[in-house]
Structure formats: structure tokens, C-alpha cells
Amino acid sequence: MNHDQLPDHVNPIGPGEPFSFLCHRKVSCFTHCCRELELVLTPYDVLRLRRATGLHSAELHSRYIIEEQSPDSIFPSFYLSMVDDGKARCVFVRPEGCSIYSDRPGACRTYPVGRAAIRSGEHVQEHFVLLRELHCRGFEENTIQTVKSFMKSQELEPYNRFNDMLTEITQHEKVRQGMPLSPEQIKQYKLALFDLDSFRDQLDKTTIDQLLEVPIRVFEDDEALLEFGLSYIKKLLFD
């Protein structure tokens, strides 16, 4: 991570370095950070949104997720849709707070901490920053946190774990060298990582089992299905 290229309000911070921050309903800026967002969703974010809404993943995409792929990007990106109310408010925010709080995306949980995971072979290096945006009054609260304690309080372990598994694909050496994907590979990437219900429905109808043996638990456990999907895409693209 090149610290010289960071904006003024973004400061590197160590995992044990203390900072003062707390967000709650009585903070004057409560839910202001839920506006004017480009909130990128990870596969695990989508899994949790599906759980929170009770929707089939295809219906979840239709209602709440925007897919984009820029010409210079190898993989498509997925964003949470915003309400067209002049403030670009998150579709799930209410005056009393987040309506899907227990399953909110990882980026919402992490704020105001930013985490970058850089993969080198089998190892993942973590880098952290603190975002001190002017609108945020949470920094005025007298609650001392560290990155480590904050991430634990926000229950980020499964988010980080699945995101780190995703880096095995997005930061693969072939991807770094500009490996192009075929339309079918992109289709499978979207299916296996972002449309879990459809992926599960098709497991018995495709030749996936010729690449990997399909564990029985994927038909009952979403996390097991996503983990299998990540392994499947890695093998499909790079073996």
C-alpha cells in the first residue's frame, strides 16, 4: 500500500493502535454515512443480504443489486442500489437505523476502518487505514478502540475470511498479468459467487462434478456452498 497516495482524511493505522470512536443513535450524524455511497458488495455480503431479506438470490439481484463491468476490468462488480431521493440513501436505512443491521455488508461494519488484503502466495498481508471524514462525529465519542478490538466487536471474522479466499482468484498471478475471461467464465463467476440459489439449483444439472466433487453439505449450508463456489471458480479459471 502506497501511503503517499492516500487522501488527507485517510491515515494508516496499526492493528493495535488506539483511536477514539463510537457510532450510536444519539450521534448527530447518525446514518449520514449511509448516503451517497458506491457500496461494492462481496460474495459474502450478497449471501448475508439474501439471508436478511429472505429472497432468492436472483430476486435479490433484481431488486437491490447493480452489476457493472468496465472495459478495463477482468471481473464484474456488484453494488448495493441506492434510493433516488436526492441523497442517494441506502435502500435499507431507516430513521431508526439499518433495517438489516445483523446482516449488513462488510464495508458498513468496517467503517471508519479500511482493510486491504494483499496476497503473496499462500500468505495474506493486512493493511489498515482510519477514515476521518469531516461529517463523522463518532470520533468525538470517548470510547477507545483498536483495529483488532473494533473488528471483533463488528463480527468481521467471516467477512474477512471469505474476502481473503476471494483474493486467491482476484489477485491470482494470471489475473495480475491481464488474463482475459471468456463470456462463459464470467457467467460461471457470477453464478457461483453472487447467485448462490441458482448455483445450488444447477449443481445437479452441470458438469461441475467433473472438476470438483460436490459435498452434500452445500445443499443445506450457504457458507459451505460459497466456499465450494470459490474453489470451483479457482479451478475453472486457473487449472
Protein backbone atom coordinates (compact mmCIF):
# COMPACT_ATOMS: atom_id res chain seq x y z
CA MET A 1 0.00 0.00 0.00
CA ASN A 2 1.44 3.38 -1.07
CA HIS A 3 0.76 5.75 1.84
CA ASP A 4 1.89 8.75 -0.20
CA GLN A 5 -1.17 8.40 -2.45
CA LEU A 6 -3.72 8.40 0.38
CA PRO A 7 -6.13 11.36 0.77
CA ASP A 8 -5.60 13.66 3.77
CA HIS A 9 -8.51 12.15 5.72
CA VAL A 10 -7.19 8.58 5.29
CA ASN A 11 -4.42 7.66 7.72
CA PRO A 12 -2.53 4.37 8.10
CA ILE A 13 -3.09 2.67 11.44
CA GLY A 14 -1.66 -0.44 13.07
CA PRO A 15 -3.91 -3.27 14.33
CA GLY A 16 -3.13 -2.46 17.97
CA GLU A 17 -3.07 1.33 17.66
CA PRO A 18 -5.80 3.05 19.74
CA PHE A 19 -8.35 5.52 18.40
CA SER A 20 -11.48 7.10 19.85
CA PHE A 21 -14.72 6.22 18.07
CA LEU A 22 -18.28 5.07 18.69
CA CYS A 23 -21.39 5.16 16.50
CA HIS A 24 -24.87 5.13 18.03
CA ARG A 25 -28.32 6.67 17.52
CA LYS A 26 -27.62 9.77 19.59
CA VAL A 27 -24.63 10.84 17.49
CA SER A 28 -25.75 13.85 15.43
CA CYS A 29 -24.51 12.36 12.16
CA PHE A 30 -26.31 9.04 12.66
CA THR A 31 -26.95 7.34 9.24
CA HIS A 32 -25.25 10.19 7.32
CA CYS A 33 -22.63 7.64 6.24
CA CYS A 34 -25.46 5.62 4.66
CA ARG A 35 -25.87 8.22 1.90
CA GLU A 36 -24.11 9.00 -1.37
CA LEU A 37 -22.42 5.62 -1.45
CA GLU A 38 -20.86 3.40 -4.06
CA LEU A 39 -21.06 0.34 -1.85
CA VAL A 40 -19.28 -2.56 -3.54
CA LEU A 41 -20.66 -5.94 -2.49
CA THR A 42 -18.56 -9.05 -1.98
CA PRO A 43 -19.90 -12.59 -2.44
CA TYR A 44 -20.28 -12.96 1.33
CA ASP A 45 -22.12 -9.63 1.53
CA VAL A 46 -24.63 -10.94 -1.01
CA LEU A 47 -25.01 -14.18 0.95
CA ARG A 48 -25.88 -12.21 4.09
CA LEU A 49 -28.24 -9.85 2.24
CA ARG A 50 -30.08 -12.89 0.89
CA ARG A 51 -30.35 -14.20 4.46
CA ALA A 52 -31.60 -10.85 5.77
CA THR A 53 -34.26 -10.36 3.09
CA GLY A 54 -35.33 -13.99 2.68
CA LEU A 55 -35.23 -13.51 -1.09
CA HIS A 56 -33.98 -15.95 -3.70
CA SER A 57 -30.61 -14.60 -4.82
CA ALA A 58 -31.91 -13.90 -8.34
CA GLU A 59 -34.74 -11.78 -6.89
CA LEU A 60 -32.27 -10.05 -4.56
CA HIS A 61 -30.23 -9.01 -7.60
CA SER A 62 -33.31 -7.78 -9.41
CA ARG A 63 -34.42 -5.57 -6.51
CA TYR A 64 -31.30 -4.38 -4.77
CA ILE A 65 -28.08 -5.01 -6.69
CA ILE A 66 -26.49 -3.21 -9.63
CA GLU A 67 -23.98 -5.06 -11.81
CA GLU A 68 -21.30 -3.21 -13.74
CA GLN A 69 -18.21 -4.16 -15.70
CA SER A 70 -15.84 -1.53 -17.01
CA PRO A 71 -13.86 -2.22 -20.21
CA ASP A 72 -10.58 -2.36 -18.27
CA SER A 73 -11.87 -4.73 -15.57
CA ILE A 74 -11.48 -8.52 -15.72
CA PHE A 75 -14.29 -9.22 -13.26
CA PRO A 76 -17.74 -7.62 -12.95
CA SER A 77 -18.52 -5.51 -9.88
CA PHE A 78 -21.71 -5.52 -7.83
CA TYR A 79 -23.10 -2.52 -5.95
CA LEU A 80 -25.94 -2.06 -3.50
CA SER A 81 -28.65 0.07 -5.11
CA MET A 82 -29.50 3.44 -3.58
CA VAL A 83 -32.81 5.29 -3.26
CA ASP A 84 -33.24 8.09 -5.81
CA ASP A 85 -34.18 10.70 -3.20
CA GLY A 86 -31.55 13.35 -3.90
CA LYS A 87 -29.34 11.92 -1.15
CA ALA A 88 -28.61 8.50 -2.69
CA ARG A 89 -29.72 6.84 0.54
CA CYS A 90 -29.13 3.12 1.11
CA VAL A 91 -32.28 1.14 0.40
CA PHE A 92 -32.10 -0.47 3.84
CA VAL A 93 -31.58 2.59 6.04
CA ARG A 94 -34.46 3.88 8.15
CA PRO A 95 -34.70 6.87 10.55
CA GLU A 96 -34.06 4.47 13.43
CA GLY A 97 -31.05 2.93 11.67
CA CYS A 98 -30.20 -0.04 9.46
CA SER A 99 -33.11 -2.44 8.90
CA ILE A 100 -30.72 -5.34 8.16
CA TYR A 101 -28.16 -4.44 10.81
CA SER A 102 -27.26 -8.01 11.83
CA ASP A 103 -26.51 -8.88 8.18
CA ARG A 104 -25.19 -5.51 6.96
CA PRO A 105 -22.33 -5.54 4.41
CA GLY A 106 -18.72 -5.75 5.50
CA ALA A 107 -17.94 -2.20 4.34
CA CYS A 108 -20.62 -0.88 6.72
CA ARG A 109 -19.23 -2.93 9.61
CA THR A 110 -15.64 -1.86 8.96
CA TYR A 111 -16.23 1.91 8.76
CA PRO A 112 -14.31 4.03 9.77
CA VAL A 113 -11.55 1.43 9.43
CA GLY A 114 -10.42 0.33 5.99
CA ARG A 115 -8.75 -3.02 5.40
CA ALA A 116 -6.68 -4.06 2.40
CA ALA A 117 -5.66 -7.69 1.98
CA ILE A 118 -2.62 -8.26 -0.22
CA ARG A 119 -1.96 -11.87 -1.17
CA SER A 120 1.54 -13.22 -1.70
CA GLY A 121 1.40 -16.93 -2.44
CA GLU A 122 -0.42 -18.58 0.44
CA HIS A 123 0.04 -15.60 2.74
CA VAL A 124 -2.24 -12.59 3.17
CA GLN A 125 -0.87 -9.30 4.43
CA GLU A 126 -3.31 -6.94 6.13
CA HIS A 127 -3.04 -3.17 5.91
CA PHE A 128 -5.37 -0.83 7.79
CA VAL A 129 -6.35 2.82 7.47
CA LEU A 130 -8.60 5.10 9.51
CA LEU A 131 -11.07 7.29 7.60
CA ARG A 132 -11.55 10.58 9.48
CA GLU A 133 -14.29 12.15 7.39
CA LEU A 134 -15.43 15.62 8.47
CA HIS A 135 -19.12 14.67 8.76
CA CYS A 136 -18.45 11.84 11.23
CA ARG A 137 -18.98 12.85 14.87
CA GLY A 138 -18.25 9.35 16.15
CA PHE A 139 -14.62 10.34 16.66
CA GLU A 140 -15.76 12.78 19.34
CA GLU A 141 -17.06 9.91 21.50
CA ASN A 142 -14.88 8.95 24.45
CA THR A 143 -14.61 5.26 23.60
CA ILE A 144 -11.13 3.91 22.94
CA GLN A 145 -10.86 1.17 20.32
CA THR A 146 -8.11 -0.60 18.45
CA VAL A 147 -8.47 -2.03 14.96
CA LYS A 148 -8.36 -5.51 16.44
CA SER A 149 -10.99 -4.86 19.12
CA PHE A 150 -13.18 -2.89 16.71
CA MET A 151 -13.20 -5.66 14.12
CA LYS A 152 -14.07 -8.21 16.78
CA SER A 153 -16.97 -6.05 18.01
CA GLN A 154 -18.27 -5.74 14.45
CA GLU A 155 -18.10 -9.54 13.92
CA LEU A 156 -15.94 -9.20 10.82
CA GLU A 157 -14.17 -12.56 11.02
CA PRO A 158 -16.35 -14.41 8.45
CA TYR A 159 -16.39 -11.39 6.12
CA ASN A 160 -12.60 -11.15 6.15
CA ARG A 161 -12.18 -14.90 5.81
CA PHE A 162 -14.34 -15.15 2.68
CA ASN A 163 -12.86 -11.95 1.25
CA ASP A 164 -9.38 -13.40 1.68
CA MET A 165 -10.47 -16.55 -0.15
CA LEU A 166 -11.71 -14.32 -2.96
CA THR A 167 -8.23 -12.80 -3.31
CA GLU A 168 -6.99 -16.24 -4.40
CA ILE A 169 -8.98 -15.50 -7.56
CA THR A 170 -8.85 -11.72 -7.99
CA GLN A 171 -5.14 -11.45 -7.11
CA HIS A 172 -4.02 -14.61 -8.90
CA GLU A 173 -0.82 -14.20 -10.89
CA LYS A 174 -2.65 -14.86 -14.17
CA VAL A 175 -5.13 -12.11 -13.33
CA ARG A 176 -2.30 -9.70 -12.49
CA GLN A 177 -0.88 -10.43 -15.94
CA GLY A 178 -4.18 -9.40 -17.55
CA MET A 179 -5.73 -12.81 -18.18
CA PRO A 180 -8.95 -12.34 -20.21
CA LEU A 181 -12.10 -14.27 -19.31
CA SER A 182 -14.49 -15.81 -21.78
CA PRO A 183 -18.21 -14.96 -21.58
CA GLU A 184 -18.84 -18.44 -20.16
CA GLN A 185 -16.19 -17.98 -17.46
CA ILE A 186 -17.70 -14.64 -16.45
CA LYS A 187 -21.13 -16.28 -16.37
CA GLN A 188 -19.86 -19.02 -14.05
CA TYR A 189 -18.06 -16.48 -11.85
CA LYS A 190 -21.29 -14.55 -11.33
CA LEU A 191 -23.35 -17.70 -10.83
CA ALA A 192 -21.09 -19.47 -8.32
CA LEU A 193 -20.18 -16.42 -6.20
CA PHE A 194 -23.11 -14.00 -6.43
CA ASP A 195 -26.19 -16.10 -7.28
CA LEU A 196 -25.95 -18.94 -4.79
CA ASP A 197 -29.53 -20.16 -5.07
CA SER A 198 -29.28 -20.54 -8.84
CA PHE A 199 -25.85 -22.14 -8.44
CA ARG A 200 -27.27 -24.67 -6.00
CA ASP A 201 -30.21 -25.36 -8.32
CA GLN A 202 -27.85 -26.16 -11.17
CA LEU A 203 -25.28 -28.26 -9.35
CA ASP A 204 -27.02 -31.49 -10.38
CA LYS A 205 -27.53 -30.32 -13.95
CA THR A 206 -23.98 -29.33 -14.93
CA THR A 207 -20.57 -30.92 -15.30
CA ILE A 208 -19.19 -29.18 -12.23
CA ASP A 209 -18.57 -32.54 -10.56
CA GLN A 210 -16.02 -33.29 -13.27
CA LEU A 211 -13.85 -30.53 -11.79
CA LEU A 212 -14.65 -30.95 -8.11
CA GLU A 213 -16.61 -33.43 -6.06
CA VAL A 214 -19.72 -31.69 -4.74
CA PRO A 215 -20.05 -32.07 -0.94
CA ILE A 216 -23.52 -32.92 0.32
CA ARG A 217 -23.42 -30.06 2.83
CA VAL A 218 -23.56 -27.42 0.06
CA PHE A 219 -27.25 -28.25 -0.41
CA GLU A 220 -28.00 -27.23 3.19
CA ASP A 221 -25.37 -24.67 4.18
CA ASP A 222 -24.86 -21.35 2.36
CA GLU A 223 -21.34 -20.79 3.70
CA ALA A 224 -20.31 -24.27 2.55
CA LEU A 225 -21.84 -23.53 -0.85
CA LEU A 226 -19.92 -20.26 -1.20
CA GLU A 227 -16.68 -21.91 -0.13
CA PHE A 228 -17.28 -24.60 -2.74
CA GLY A 229 -18.10 -21.93 -5.33
CA LEU A 230 -14.80 -20.15 -4.66
CA SER A 231 -12.87 -23.42 -5.07
CA TYR A 232 -14.79 -24.23 -8.23
CA ILE A 233 -14.08 -20.85 -9.86
CA LYS A 234 -10.42 -21.01 -8.90
CA LYS A 235 -10.10 -24.43 -10.52
CA LEU A 236 -12.19 -23.44 -13.55
CA LEU A 237 -10.09 -20.36 -14.29
CA PHE A 238 -6.58 -21.42 -13.42
CA ASP A 239 -6.16 -25.22 -13.65
